[in-house]
PDBML (XML) file of the C-alpha atoms, coordinates in Angstrom:
<?xml version="1.0" encoding="UTF-8" ?>
<PDBx:datablock datablockName="MODEL"
   xmlns:PDBx="http://pdbml.pdb.org/schema/pdbx-v50.xsd"
   xmlns:xsi="http://www.w3.org/2001/XMLSchema-instance"
   xsi:schemaLocation="http://pdbml.pdb.org/schema/pdbx-v50.xsd pdbx-v50.xsd">
   <PDBx:atom_siteCategory>
      <PDBx:atom_site id="1">
         <PDBx:B_iso_or_equiv>0.00</PDBx:B_iso_or_equiv>
         <PDBx:Cartn_x>0.065</PDBx:Cartn_x>
         <PDBx:Cartn_y>-0.229</PDBx:Cartn_y>
         <PDBx:Cartn_z>0.047</PDBx:Cartn_z>
         <PDBx:auth_asym_id>A</PDBx:auth_asym_id>
         <PDBx:auth_atom_id>CA</PDBx:auth_atom_id>
         <PDBx:auth_comp_id>SER</PDBx:auth_comp_id>
         <PDBx:auth_seq_id>1</PDBx:auth_seq_id>
         <PDBx:group_PDB>ATOM</PDBx:group_PDB>
         <PDBx:label_alt_id xsi:nil="true" />
         <PDBx:label_asym_id>A</PDBx:label_asym_id>
         <PDBx:label_atom_id>CA</PDBx:label_atom_id>
         <PDBx:label_comp_id>SER</PDBx:label_comp_id>
         <PDBx:label_entity_id>1</PDBx:label_entity_id>
         <PDBx:label_seq_id>1</PDBx:label_seq_id>
         <PDBx:occupancy>1.00</PDBx:occupancy>
         <PDBx:pdbx_PDB_model_num>1</PDBx:pdbx_PDB_model_num>
         <PDBx:type_symbol>C</PDBx:type_symbol>
      </PDBx:atom_site>
      <PDBx:atom_site id="2">
         <PDBx:B_iso_or_equiv>0.00</PDBx:B_iso_or_equiv>
         <PDBx:Cartn_x>2.724</PDBx:Cartn_x>
         <PDBx:Cartn_y>2.332</PDBx:Cartn_y>
         <PDBx:Cartn_z>0.060</PDBx:Cartn_z>
         <PDBx:auth_asym_id>A</PDBx:auth_asym_id>
         <PDBx:auth_atom_id>CA</PDBx:auth_atom_id>
         <PDBx:auth_comp_id>GLU</PDBx:auth_comp_id>
         <PDBx:auth_seq_id>2</PDBx:auth_seq_id>
         <PDBx:group_PDB>ATOM</PDBx:group_PDB>
         <PDBx:label_alt_id xsi:nil="true" />
         <PDBx:label_asym_id>A</PDBx:label_asym_id>
         <PDBx:label_atom_id>CA</PDBx:label_atom_id>
         <PDBx:label_comp_id>GLU</PDBx:label_comp_id>
         <PDBx:label_entity_id>1</PDBx:label_entity_id>
         <PDBx:label_seq_id>2</PDBx:label_seq_id>
         <PDBx:occupancy>1.00</PDBx:occupancy>
         <PDBx:pdbx_PDB_model_num>1</PDBx:pdbx_PDB_model_num>
         <PDBx:type_symbol>C</PDBx:type_symbol>
      </PDBx:atom_site>
      <PDBx:atom_site id="3">
         <PDBx:B_iso_or_equiv>0.00</PDBx:B_iso_or_equiv>
         <PDBx:Cartn_x>3.253</PDBx:Cartn_x>
         <PDBx:Cartn_y>4.928</PDBx:Cartn_y>
         <PDBx:Cartn_z>-2.222</PDBx:Cartn_z>
         <PDBx:auth_asym_id>A</PDBx:auth_asym_id>
         <PDBx:auth_atom_id>CA</PDBx:auth_atom_id>
         <PDBx:auth_comp_id>PRO</PDBx:auth_comp_id>
         <PDBx:auth_seq_id>3</PDBx:auth_seq_id>
         <PDBx:group_PDB>ATOM</PDBx:group_PDB>
         <PDBx:label_alt_id xsi:nil="true" />
         <PDBx:label_asym_id>A</PDBx:label_asym_id>
         <PDBx:label_atom_id>CA</PDBx:label_atom_id>
         <PDBx:label_comp_id>PRO</PDBx:label_comp_id>
         <PDBx:label_entity_id>1</PDBx:label_entity_id>
         <PDBx:label_seq_id>3</PDBx:label_seq_id>
         <PDBx:occupancy>1.00</PDBx:occupancy>
         <PDBx:pdbx_PDB_model_num>1</PDBx:pdbx_PDB_model_num>
         <PDBx:type_symbol>C</PDBx:type_symbol>
      </PDBx:atom_site>
      <PDBx:atom_site id="4">
         <PDBx:B_iso_or_equiv>0.00</PDBx:B_iso_or_equiv>
         <PDBx:Cartn_x>5.300</PDBx:Cartn_x>
         <PDBx:Cartn_y>4.773</PDBx:Cartn_y>
         <PDBx:Cartn_z>-5.601</PDBx:Cartn_z>
         <PDBx:auth_asym_id>A</PDBx:auth_asym_id>
         <PDBx:auth_atom_id>CA</PDBx:auth_atom_id>
         <PDBx:auth_comp_id>MET</PDBx:auth_comp_id>
         <PDBx:auth_seq_id>4</PDBx:auth_seq_id>
         <PDBx:group_PDB>ATOM</PDBx:group_PDB>
         <PDBx:label_alt_id xsi:nil="true" />
         <PDBx:label_asym_id>A</PDBx:label_asym_id>
         <PDBx:label_atom_id>CA</PDBx:label_atom_id>
         <PDBx:label_comp_id>MET</PDBx:label_comp_id>
         <PDBx:label_entity_id>1</PDBx:label_entity_id>
         <PDBx:label_seq_id>4</PDBx:label_seq_id>
         <PDBx:occupancy>1.00</PDBx:occupancy>
         <PDBx:pdbx_PDB_model_num>1</PDBx:pdbx_PDB_model_num>
         <PDBx:type_symbol>C</PDBx:type_symbol>
      </PDBx:atom_site>
      <PDBx:atom_site id="5">
         <PDBx:B_iso_or_equiv>0.00</PDBx:B_iso_or_equiv>
         <PDBx:Cartn_x>7.156</PDBx:Cartn_x>
         <PDBx:Cartn_y>7.480</PDBx:Cartn_y>
         <PDBx:Cartn_z>-4.949</PDBx:Cartn_z>
         <PDBx:auth_asym_id>A</PDBx:auth_asym_id>
         <PDBx:auth_atom_id>CA</PDBx:auth_atom_id>
         <PDBx:auth_comp_id>GLY</PDBx:auth_comp_id>
         <PDBx:auth_seq_id>5</PDBx:auth_seq_id>
         <PDBx:group_PDB>ATOM</PDBx:group_PDB>
         <PDBx:label_alt_id xsi:nil="true" />
         <PDBx:label_asym_id>A</PDBx:label_asym_id>
         <PDBx:label_atom_id>CA</PDBx:label_atom_id>
         <PDBx:label_comp_id>GLY</PDBx:label_comp_id>
         <PDBx:label_entity_id>1</PDBx:label_entity_id>
         <PDBx:label_seq_id>5</PDBx:label_seq_id>
         <PDBx:occupancy>1.00</PDBx:occupancy>
         <PDBx:pdbx_PDB_model_num>1</PDBx:pdbx_PDB_model_num>
         <PDBx:type_symbol>C</PDBx:type_symbol>
      </PDBx:atom_site>
      <PDBx:atom_site id="6">
         <PDBx:B_iso_or_equiv>0.00</PDBx:B_iso_or_equiv>
         <PDBx:Cartn_x>8.334</PDBx:Cartn_x>
         <PDBx:Cartn_y>6.850</PDBx:Cartn_y>
         <PDBx:Cartn_z>-1.621</PDBx:Cartn_z>
         <PDBx:auth_asym_id>A</PDBx:auth_asym_id>
         <PDBx:auth_atom_id>CA</PDBx:auth_atom_id>
         <PDBx:auth_comp_id>ARG</PDBx:auth_comp_id>
         <PDBx:auth_seq_id>6</PDBx:auth_seq_id>
         <PDBx:group_PDB>ATOM</PDBx:group_PDB>
         <PDBx:label_alt_id xsi:nil="true" />
         <PDBx:label_asym_id>A</PDBx:label_asym_id>
         <PDBx:label_atom_id>CA</PDBx:label_atom_id>
         <PDBx:label_comp_id>ARG</PDBx:label_comp_id>
         <PDBx:label_entity_id>1</PDBx:label_entity_id>
         <PDBx:label_seq_id>6</PDBx:label_seq_id>
         <PDBx:occupancy>1.00</PDBx:occupancy>
         <PDBx:pdbx_PDB_model_num>1</PDBx:pdbx_PDB_model_num>
         <PDBx:type_symbol>C</PDBx:type_symbol>
      </PDBx:atom_site>
      <PDBx:atom_site id="7">
         <PDBx:B_iso_or_equiv>0.00</PDBx:B_iso_or_equiv>
         <PDBx:Cartn_x>10.813</PDBx:Cartn_x>
         <PDBx:Cartn_y>4.600</PDBx:Cartn_y>
         <PDBx:Cartn_z>0.157</PDBx:Cartn_z>
         <PDBx:auth_asym_id>A</PDBx:auth_asym_id>
         <PDBx:auth_atom_id>CA</PDBx:auth_atom_id>
         <PDBx:auth_comp_id>LYS</PDBx:auth_comp_id>
         <PDBx:auth_seq_id>7</PDBx:auth_seq_id>
         <PDBx:group_PDB>ATOM</PDBx:group_PDB>
         <PDBx:label_alt_id xsi:nil="true" />
         <PDBx:label_asym_id>A</PDBx:label_asym_id>
         <PDBx:label_atom_id>CA</PDBx:label_atom_id>
         <PDBx:label_comp_id>LYS</PDBx:label_comp_id>
         <PDBx:label_entity_id>1</PDBx:label_entity_id>
         <PDBx:label_seq_id>7</PDBx:label_seq_id>
         <PDBx:occupancy>1.00</PDBx:occupancy>
         <PDBx:pdbx_PDB_model_num>1</PDBx:pdbx_PDB_model_num>
         <PDBx:type_symbol>C</PDBx:type_symbol>
      </PDBx:atom_site>
      <PDBx:atom_site id="8">
         <PDBx:B_iso_or_equiv>0.00</PDBx:B_iso_or_equiv>
         <PDBx:Cartn_x>9.678</PDBx:Cartn_x>
         <PDBx:Cartn_y>1.419</PDBx:Cartn_y>
         <PDBx:Cartn_z>0.424</PDBx:Cartn_z>
         <PDBx:auth_asym_id>A</PDBx:auth_asym_id>
         <PDBx:auth_atom_id>CA</PDBx:auth_atom_id>
         <PDBx:auth_comp_id>LYS</PDBx:auth_comp_id>
         <PDBx:auth_seq_id>8</PDBx:auth_seq_id>
         <PDBx:group_PDB>ATOM</PDBx:group_PDB>
         <PDBx:label_alt_id xsi:nil="true" />
         <PDBx:label_asym_id>A</PDBx:label_asym_id>
         <PDBx:label_atom_id>CA</PDBx:label_atom_id>
         <PDBx:label_comp_id>LYS</PDBx:label_comp_id>
         <PDBx:label_entity_id>1</PDBx:label_entity_id>
         <PDBx:label_seq_id>8</PDBx:label_seq_id>
         <PDBx:occupancy>1.00</PDBx:occupancy>
         <PDBx:pdbx_PDB_model_num>1</PDBx:pdbx_PDB_model_num>
         <PDBx:type_symbol>C</PDBx:type_symbol>
      </PDBx:atom_site>
      <PDBx:atom_site id="9">
         <PDBx:B_iso_or_equiv>0.00</PDBx:B_iso_or_equiv>
         <PDBx:Cartn_x>8.833</PDBx:Cartn_x>
         <PDBx:Cartn_y>-0.330</PDBx:Cartn_y>
         <PDBx:Cartn_z>4.086</PDBx:Cartn_z>
         <PDBx:auth_asym_id>A</PDBx:auth_asym_id>
         <PDBx:auth_atom_id>CA</PDBx:auth_atom_id>
         <PDBx:auth_comp_id>ARG</PDBx:auth_comp_id>
         <PDBx:auth_seq_id>9</PDBx:auth_seq_id>
         <PDBx:group_PDB>ATOM</PDBx:group_PDB>
         <PDBx:label_alt_id xsi:nil="true" />
         <PDBx:label_asym_id>A</PDBx:label_asym_id>
         <PDBx:label_atom_id>CA</PDBx:label_atom_id>
         <PDBx:label_comp_id>ARG</PDBx:label_comp_id>
         <PDBx:label_entity_id>1</PDBx:label_entity_id>
         <PDBx:label_seq_id>9</PDBx:label_seq_id>
         <PDBx:occupancy>1.00</PDBx:occupancy>
         <PDBx:pdbx_PDB_model_num>1</PDBx:pdbx_PDB_model_num>
         <PDBx:type_symbol>C</PDBx:type_symbol>
      </PDBx:atom_site>
      <PDBx:atom_site id="10">
         <PDBx:B_iso_or_equiv>0.00</PDBx:B_iso_or_equiv>
         <PDBx:Cartn_x>9.762</PDBx:Cartn_x>
         <PDBx:Cartn_y>-3.947</PDBx:Cartn_y>
         <PDBx:Cartn_z>5.503</PDBx:Cartn_z>
         <PDBx:auth_asym_id>A</PDBx:auth_asym_id>
         <PDBx:auth_atom_id>CA</PDBx:auth_atom_id>
         <PDBx:auth_comp_id>PHE</PDBx:auth_comp_id>
         <PDBx:auth_seq_id>10</PDBx:auth_seq_id>
         <PDBx:group_PDB>ATOM</PDBx:group_PDB>
         <PDBx:label_alt_id xsi:nil="true" />
         <PDBx:label_asym_id>A</PDBx:label_asym_id>
         <PDBx:label_atom_id>CA</PDBx:label_atom_id>
         <PDBx:label_comp_id>PHE</PDBx:label_comp_id>
         <PDBx:label_entity_id>1</PDBx:label_entity_id>
         <PDBx:label_seq_id>10</PDBx:label_seq_id>
         <PDBx:occupancy>1.00</PDBx:occupancy>
         <PDBx:pdbx_PDB_model_num>1</PDBx:pdbx_PDB_model_num>
         <PDBx:type_symbol>C</PDBx:type_symbol>
      </PDBx:atom_site>
      <PDBx:atom_site id="11">
         <PDBx:B_iso_or_equiv>0.00</PDBx:B_iso_or_equiv>
         <PDBx:Cartn_x>9.012</PDBx:Cartn_x>
         <PDBx:Cartn_y>-5.306</PDBx:Cartn_y>
         <PDBx:Cartn_z>8.246</PDBx:Cartn_z>
         <PDBx:auth_asym_id>A</PDBx:auth_asym_id>
         <PDBx:auth_atom_id>CA</PDBx:auth_atom_id>
         <PDBx:auth_comp_id>TYR</PDBx:auth_comp_id>
         <PDBx:auth_seq_id>11</PDBx:auth_seq_id>
         <PDBx:group_PDB>ATOM</PDBx:group_PDB>
         <PDBx:label_alt_id xsi:nil="true" />
         <PDBx:label_asym_id>A</PDBx:label_asym_id>
         <PDBx:label_atom_id>CA</PDBx:label_atom_id>
         <PDBx:label_comp_id>TYR</PDBx:label_comp_id>
         <PDBx:label_entity_id>1</PDBx:label_entity_id>
         <PDBx:label_seq_id>11</PDBx:label_seq_id>
         <PDBx:occupancy>1.00</PDBx:occupancy>
         <PDBx:pdbx_PDB_model_num>1</PDBx:pdbx_PDB_model_num>
         <PDBx:type_symbol>C</PDBx:type_symbol>
      </PDBx:atom_site>
      <PDBx:atom_site id="12">
         <PDBx:B_iso_or_equiv>0.00</PDBx:B_iso_or_equiv>
         <PDBx:Cartn_x>11.590</PDBx:Cartn_x>
         <PDBx:Cartn_y>-8.543</PDBx:Cartn_y>
         <PDBx:Cartn_z>10.200</PDBx:Cartn_z>
         <PDBx:auth_asym_id>A</PDBx:auth_asym_id>
         <PDBx:auth_atom_id>CA</PDBx:auth_atom_id>
         <PDBx:auth_comp_id>ARG</PDBx:auth_comp_id>
         <PDBx:auth_seq_id>12</PDBx:auth_seq_id>
         <PDBx:group_PDB>ATOM</PDBx:group_PDB>
         <PDBx:label_alt_id xsi:nil="true" />
         <PDBx:label_asym_id>A</PDBx:label_asym_id>
         <PDBx:label_atom_id>CA</PDBx:label_atom_id>
         <PDBx:label_comp_id>ARG</PDBx:label_comp_id>
         <PDBx:label_entity_id>1</PDBx:label_entity_id>
         <PDBx:label_seq_id>12</PDBx:label_seq_id>
         <PDBx:occupancy>1.00</PDBx:occupancy>
         <PDBx:pdbx_PDB_model_num>1</PDBx:pdbx_PDB_model_num>
         <PDBx:type_symbol>C</PDBx:type_symbol>
      </PDBx:atom_site>
      <PDBx:atom_site id="13">
         <PDBx:B_iso_or_equiv>0.00</PDBx:B_iso_or_equiv>
         <PDBx:Cartn_x>9.960</PDBx:Cartn_x>
         <PDBx:Cartn_y>-10.907</PDBx:Cartn_y>
         <PDBx:Cartn_z>11.928</PDBx:Cartn_z>
         <PDBx:auth_asym_id>A</PDBx:auth_asym_id>
         <PDBx:auth_atom_id>CA</PDBx:auth_atom_id>
         <PDBx:auth_comp_id>HIS</PDBx:auth_comp_id>
         <PDBx:auth_seq_id>13</PDBx:auth_seq_id>
         <PDBx:group_PDB>ATOM</PDBx:group_PDB>
         <PDBx:label_alt_id xsi:nil="true" />
         <PDBx:label_asym_id>A</PDBx:label_asym_id>
         <PDBx:label_atom_id>CA</PDBx:label_atom_id>
         <PDBx:label_comp_id>HIS</PDBx:label_comp_id>
         <PDBx:label_entity_id>1</PDBx:label_entity_id>
         <PDBx:label_seq_id>13</PDBx:label_seq_id>
         <PDBx:occupancy>1.00</PDBx:occupancy>
         <PDBx:pdbx_PDB_model_num>1</PDBx:pdbx_PDB_model_num>
         <PDBx:type_symbol>C</PDBx:type_symbol>
      </PDBx:atom_site>
      <PDBx:atom_site id="14">
         <PDBx:B_iso_or_equiv>0.00</PDBx:B_iso_or_equiv>
         <PDBx:Cartn_x>11.460</PDBx:Cartn_x>
         <PDBx:Cartn_y>-12.954</PDBx:Cartn_y>
         <PDBx:Cartn_z>15.003</PDBx:Cartn_z>
         <PDBx:auth_asym_id>A</PDBx:auth_asym_id>
         <PDBx:auth_atom_id>CA</PDBx:auth_atom_id>
         <PDBx:auth_comp_id>THR</PDBx:auth_comp_id>
         <PDBx:auth_seq_id>14</PDBx:auth_seq_id>
         <PDBx:group_PDB>ATOM</PDBx:group_PDB>
         <PDBx:label_alt_id xsi:nil="true" />
         <PDBx:label_asym_id>A</PDBx:label_asym_id>
         <PDBx:label_atom_id>CA</PDBx:label_atom_id>
         <PDBx:label_comp_id>THR</PDBx:label_comp_id>
         <PDBx:label_entity_id>1</PDBx:label_entity_id>
         <PDBx:label_seq_id>14</PDBx:label_seq_id>
         <PDBx:occupancy>1.00</PDBx:occupancy>
         <PDBx:pdbx_PDB_model_num>1</PDBx:pdbx_PDB_model_num>
         <PDBx:type_symbol>C</PDBx:type_symbol>
      </PDBx:atom_site>
      <PDBx:atom_site id="15">
         <PDBx:B_iso_or_equiv>0.00</PDBx:B_iso_or_equiv>
         <PDBx:Cartn_x>12.118</PDBx:Cartn_x>
         <PDBx:Cartn_y>-16.625</PDBx:Cartn_y>
         <PDBx:Cartn_z>14.255</PDBx:Cartn_z>
         <PDBx:auth_asym_id>A</PDBx:auth_asym_id>
         <PDBx:auth_atom_id>CA</PDBx:auth_atom_id>
         <PDBx:auth_comp_id>PRO</PDBx:auth_comp_id>
         <PDBx:auth_seq_id>15</PDBx:auth_seq_id>
         <PDBx:group_PDB>ATOM</PDBx:group_PDB>
         <PDBx:label_alt_id xsi:nil="true" />
         <PDBx:label_asym_id>A</PDBx:label_asym_id>
         <PDBx:label_atom_id>CA</PDBx:label_atom_id>
         <PDBx:label_comp_id>PRO</PDBx:label_comp_id>
         <PDBx:label_entity_id>1</PDBx:label_entity_id>
         <PDBx:label_seq_id>15</PDBx:label_seq_id>
         <PDBx:occupancy>1.00</PDBx:occupancy>
         <PDBx:pdbx_PDB_model_num>1</PDBx:pdbx_PDB_model_num>
         <PDBx:type_symbol>C</PDBx:type_symbol>
      </PDBx:atom_site>
      <PDBx:atom_site id="16">
         <PDBx:B_iso_or_equiv>0.00</PDBx:B_iso_or_equiv>
         <PDBx:Cartn_x>9.133</PDBx:Cartn_x>
         <PDBx:Cartn_y>-17.654</PDBx:Cartn_y>
         <PDBx:Cartn_z>16.564</PDBx:Cartn_z>
         <PDBx:auth_asym_id>A</PDBx:auth_asym_id>
         <PDBx:auth_atom_id>CA</PDBx:auth_atom_id>
         <PDBx:auth_comp_id>GLN</PDBx:auth_comp_id>
         <PDBx:auth_seq_id>16</PDBx:auth_seq_id>
         <PDBx:group_PDB>ATOM</PDBx:group_PDB>
         <PDBx:label_alt_id xsi:nil="true" />
         <PDBx:label_asym_id>A</PDBx:label_asym_id>
         <PDBx:label_atom_id>CA</PDBx:label_atom_id>
         <PDBx:label_comp_id>GLN</PDBx:label_comp_id>
         <PDBx:label_entity_id>1</PDBx:label_entity_id>
         <PDBx:label_seq_id>16</PDBx:label_seq_id>
         <PDBx:occupancy>1.00</PDBx:occupancy>
         <PDBx:pdbx_PDB_model_num>1</PDBx:pdbx_PDB_model_num>
         <PDBx:type_symbol>C</PDBx:type_symbol>
      </PDBx:atom_site>
      <PDBx:atom_site id="17">
         <PDBx:B_iso_or_equiv>0.00</PDBx:B_iso_or_equiv>
         <PDBx:Cartn_x>7.114</PDBx:Cartn_x>
         <PDBx:Cartn_y>-14.932</PDBx:Cartn_y>
         <PDBx:Cartn_z>14.901</PDBx:Cartn_z>
         <PDBx:auth_asym_id>A</PDBx:auth_asym_id>
         <PDBx:auth_atom_id>CA</PDBx:auth_atom_id>
         <PDBx:auth_comp_id>GLN</PDBx:auth_comp_id>
         <PDBx:auth_seq_id>17</PDBx:auth_seq_id>
         <PDBx:group_PDB>ATOM</PDBx:group_PDB>
         <PDBx:label_alt_id xsi:nil="true" />
         <PDBx:label_asym_id>A</PDBx:label_asym_id>
         <PDBx:label_atom_id>CA</PDBx:label_atom_id>
         <PDBx:label_comp_id>GLN</PDBx:label_comp_id>
         <PDBx:label_entity_id>1</PDBx:label_entity_id>
         <PDBx:label_seq_id>17</PDBx:label_seq_id>
         <PDBx:occupancy>1.00</PDBx:occupancy>
         <PDBx:pdbx_PDB_model_num>1</PDBx:pdbx_PDB_model_num>
         <PDBx:type_symbol>C</PDBx:type_symbol>
      </PDBx:atom_site>
      <PDBx:atom_site id="18">
         <PDBx:B_iso_or_equiv>0.00</PDBx:B_iso_or_equiv>
         <PDBx:Cartn_x>7.700</PDBx:Cartn_x>
         <PDBx:Cartn_y>-16.971</PDBx:Cartn_y>
         <PDBx:Cartn_z>11.528</PDBx:Cartn_z>
         <PDBx:auth_asym_id>A</PDBx:auth_asym_id>
         <PDBx:auth_atom_id>CA</PDBx:auth_atom_id>
         <PDBx:auth_comp_id>ILE</PDBx:auth_comp_id>
         <PDBx:auth_seq_id>18</PDBx:auth_seq_id>
         <PDBx:group_PDB>ATOM</PDBx:group_PDB>
         <PDBx:label_alt_id xsi:nil="true" />
         <PDBx:label_asym_id>A</PDBx:label_asym_id>
         <PDBx:label_atom_id>CA</PDBx:label_atom_id>
         <PDBx:label_comp_id>ILE</PDBx:label_comp_id>
         <PDBx:label_entity_id>1</PDBx:label_entity_id>
         <PDBx:label_seq_id>18</PDBx:label_seq_id>
         <PDBx:occupancy>1.00</PDBx:occupancy>
         <PDBx:pdbx_PDB_model_num>1</PDBx:pdbx_PDB_model_num>
         <PDBx:type_symbol>C</PDBx:type_symbol>
      </PDBx:atom_site>
      <PDBx:atom_site id="19">
         <PDBx:B_iso_or_equiv>0.00</PDBx:B_iso_or_equiv>
         <PDBx:Cartn_x>7.396</PDBx:Cartn_x>
         <PDBx:Cartn_y>-20.239</PDBx:Cartn_y>
         <PDBx:Cartn_z>13.294</PDBx:Cartn_z>
         <PDBx:auth_asym_id>A</PDBx:auth_asym_id>
         <PDBx:auth_atom_id>CA</PDBx:auth_atom_id>
         <PDBx:auth_comp_id>GLN</PDBx:auth_comp_id>
         <PDBx:auth_seq_id>19</PDBx:auth_seq_id>
         <PDBx:group_PDB>ATOM</PDBx:group_PDB>
         <PDBx:label_alt_id xsi:nil="true" />
         <PDBx:label_asym_id>A</PDBx:label_asym_id>
         <PDBx:label_atom_id>CA</PDBx:label_atom_id>
         <PDBx:label_comp_id>GLN</PDBx:label_comp_id>
         <PDBx:label_entity_id>1</PDBx:label_entity_id>
         <PDBx:label_seq_id>19</PDBx:label_seq_id>
         <PDBx:occupancy>1.00</PDBx:occupancy>
         <PDBx:pdbx_PDB_model_num>1</PDBx:pdbx_PDB_model_num>
         <PDBx:type_symbol>C</PDBx:type_symbol>
      </PDBx:atom_site>
      <PDBx:atom_site id="20">
         <PDBx:B_iso_or_equiv>0.00</PDBx:B_iso_or_equiv>
         <PDBx:Cartn_x>3.913</PDBx:Cartn_x>
         <PDBx:Cartn_y>-19.802</PDBx:Cartn_y>
         <PDBx:Cartn_z>14.039</PDBx:Cartn_z>
         <PDBx:auth_asym_id>A</PDBx:auth_asym_id>
         <PDBx:auth_atom_id>CA</PDBx:auth_atom_id>
         <PDBx:auth_comp_id>GLU</PDBx:auth_comp_id>
         <PDBx:auth_seq_id>20</PDBx:auth_seq_id>
         <PDBx:group_PDB>ATOM</PDBx:group_PDB>
         <PDBx:label_alt_id xsi:nil="true" />
         <PDBx:label_asym_id>A</PDBx:label_asym_id>
         <PDBx:label_atom_id>CA</PDBx:label_atom_id>
         <PDBx:label_comp_id>GLU</PDBx:label_comp_id>
         <PDBx:label_entity_id>1</PDBx:label_entity_id>
         <PDBx:label_seq_id>20</PDBx:label_seq_id>
         <PDBx:occupancy>1.00</PDBx:occupancy>
         <PDBx:pdbx_PDB_model_num>1</PDBx:pdbx_PDB_model_num>
         <PDBx:type_symbol>C</PDBx:type_symbol>
      </PDBx:atom_site>
      <PDBx:atom_site id="21">
         <PDBx:B_iso_or_equiv>0.00</PDBx:B_iso_or_equiv>
         <PDBx:Cartn_x>2.721</PDBx:Cartn_x>
         <PDBx:Cartn_y>-18.025</PDBx:Cartn_y>
         <PDBx:Cartn_z>10.972</PDBx:Cartn_z>
         <PDBx:auth_asym_id>A</PDBx:auth_asym_id>
         <PDBx:auth_atom_id>CA</PDBx:auth_atom_id>
         <PDBx:auth_comp_id>LEU</PDBx:auth_comp_id>
         <PDBx:auth_seq_id>21</PDBx:auth_seq_id>
         <PDBx:group_PDB>ATOM</PDBx:group_PDB>
         <PDBx:label_alt_id xsi:nil="true" />
         <PDBx:label_asym_id>A</PDBx:label_asym_id>
         <PDBx:label_atom_id>CA</PDBx:label_atom_id>
         <PDBx:label_comp_id>LEU</PDBx:label_comp_id>
         <PDBx:label_entity_id>1</PDBx:label_entity_id>
         <PDBx:label_seq_id>21</PDBx:label_seq_id>
         <PDBx:occupancy>1.00</PDBx:occupancy>
         <PDBx:pdbx_PDB_model_num>1</PDBx:pdbx_PDB_model_num>
         <PDBx:type_symbol>C</PDBx:type_symbol>
      </PDBx:atom_site>
      <PDBx:atom_site id="22">
         <PDBx:B_iso_or_equiv>0.00</PDBx:B_iso_or_equiv>
         <PDBx:Cartn_x>4.273</PDBx:Cartn_x>
         <PDBx:Cartn_y>-21.035</PDBx:Cartn_y>
         <PDBx:Cartn_z>9.010</PDBx:Cartn_z>
         <PDBx:auth_asym_id>A</PDBx:auth_asym_id>
         <PDBx:auth_atom_id>CA</PDBx:auth_atom_id>
         <PDBx:auth_comp_id>GLU</PDBx:auth_comp_id>
         <PDBx:auth_seq_id>22</PDBx:auth_seq_id>
         <PDBx:group_PDB>ATOM</PDBx:group_PDB>
         <PDBx:label_alt_id xsi:nil="true" />
         <PDBx:label_asym_id>A</PDBx:label_asym_id>
         <PDBx:label_atom_id>CA</PDBx:label_atom_id>
         <PDBx:label_comp_id>GLU</PDBx:label_comp_id>
         <PDBx:label_entity_id>1</PDBx:label_entity_id>
         <PDBx:label_seq_id>22</PDBx:label_seq_id>
         <PDBx:occupancy>1.00</PDBx:occupancy>
         <PDBx:pdbx_PDB_model_num>1</PDBx:pdbx_PDB_model_num>
         <PDBx:type_symbol>C</PDBx:type_symbol>
      </PDBx:atom_site>
      <PDBx:atom_site id="23">
         <PDBx:B_iso_or_equiv>0.00</PDBx:B_iso_or_equiv>
         <PDBx:Cartn_x>2.253</PDBx:Cartn_x>
         <PDBx:Cartn_y>-23.847</PDBx:Cartn_y>
         <PDBx:Cartn_z>11.342</PDBx:Cartn_z>
         <PDBx:auth_asym_id>A</PDBx:auth_asym_id>
         <PDBx:auth_atom_id>CA</PDBx:auth_atom_id>
         <PDBx:auth_comp_id>ALA</PDBx:auth_comp_id>
         <PDBx:auth_seq_id>23</PDBx:auth_seq_id>
         <PDBx:group_PDB>ATOM</PDBx:group_PDB>
         <PDBx:label_alt_id xsi:nil="true" />
         <PDBx:label_asym_id>A</PDBx:label_asym_id>
         <PDBx:label_atom_id>CA</PDBx:label_atom_id>
         <PDBx:label_comp_id>ALA</PDBx:label_comp_id>
         <PDBx:label_entity_id>1</PDBx:label_entity_id>
         <PDBx:label_seq_id>23</PDBx:label_seq_id>
         <PDBx:occupancy>1.00</PDBx:occupancy>
         <PDBx:pdbx_PDB_model_num>1</PDBx:pdbx_PDB_model_num>
         <PDBx:type_symbol>C</PDBx:type_symbol>
      </PDBx:atom_site>
      <PDBx:atom_site id="24">
         <PDBx:B_iso_or_equiv>0.00</PDBx:B_iso_or_equiv>
         <PDBx:Cartn_x>-1.178</PDBx:Cartn_x>
         <PDBx:Cartn_y>-21.812</PDBx:Cartn_y>
         <PDBx:Cartn_z>10.748</PDBx:Cartn_z>
         <PDBx:auth_asym_id>A</PDBx:auth_asym_id>
         <PDBx:auth_atom_id>CA</PDBx:auth_atom_id>
         <PDBx:auth_comp_id>MET</PDBx:auth_comp_id>
         <PDBx:auth_seq_id>24</PDBx:auth_seq_id>
         <PDBx:group_PDB>ATOM</PDBx:group_PDB>
         <PDBx:label_alt_id xsi:nil="true" />
         <PDBx:label_asym_id>A</PDBx:label_asym_id>
         <PDBx:label_atom_id>CA</PDBx:label_atom_id>
         <PDBx:label_comp_id>MET</PDBx:label_comp_id>
         <PDBx:label_entity_id>1</PDBx:label_entity_id>
         <PDBx:label_seq_id>24</PDBx:label_seq_id>
         <PDBx:occupancy>1.00</PDBx:occupancy>
         <PDBx:pdbx_PDB_model_num>1</PDBx:pdbx_PDB_model_num>
         <PDBx:type_symbol>C</PDBx:type_symbol>
      </PDBx:atom_site>
      <PDBx:atom_site id="25">
         <PDBx:B_iso_or_equiv>0.00</PDBx:B_iso_or_equiv>
         <PDBx:Cartn_x>-0.532</PDBx:Cartn_x>
         <PDBx:Cartn_y>-21.557</PDBx:Cartn_y>
         <PDBx:Cartn_z>6.802</PDBx:Cartn_z>
         <PDBx:auth_asym_id>A</PDBx:auth_asym_id>
         <PDBx:auth_atom_id>CA</PDBx:auth_atom_id>
         <PDBx:auth_comp_id>PHE</PDBx:auth_comp_id>
         <PDBx:auth_seq_id>25</PDBx:auth_seq_id>
         <PDBx:group_PDB>ATOM</PDBx:group_PDB>
         <PDBx:label_alt_id xsi:nil="true" />
         <PDBx:label_asym_id>A</PDBx:label_asym_id>
         <PDBx:label_atom_id>CA</PDBx:label_atom_id>
         <PDBx:label_comp_id>PHE</PDBx:label_comp_id>
         <PDBx:label_entity_id>1</PDBx:label_entity_id>
         <PDBx:label_seq_id>25</PDBx:label_seq_id>
         <PDBx:occupancy>1.00</PDBx:occupancy>
         <PDBx:pdbx_PDB_model_num>1</PDBx:pdbx_PDB_model_num>
         <PDBx:type_symbol>C</PDBx:type_symbol>
      </PDBx:atom_site>
   </PDBx:atom_siteCategory>
</PDBx:datablock>
């Protein structure tokens, strides 16, 4: 949803968050 002209933002997740998301996926 970031506008094209603005610098893109990236969100880093912790290993625990990734593990929970993968399990749910």
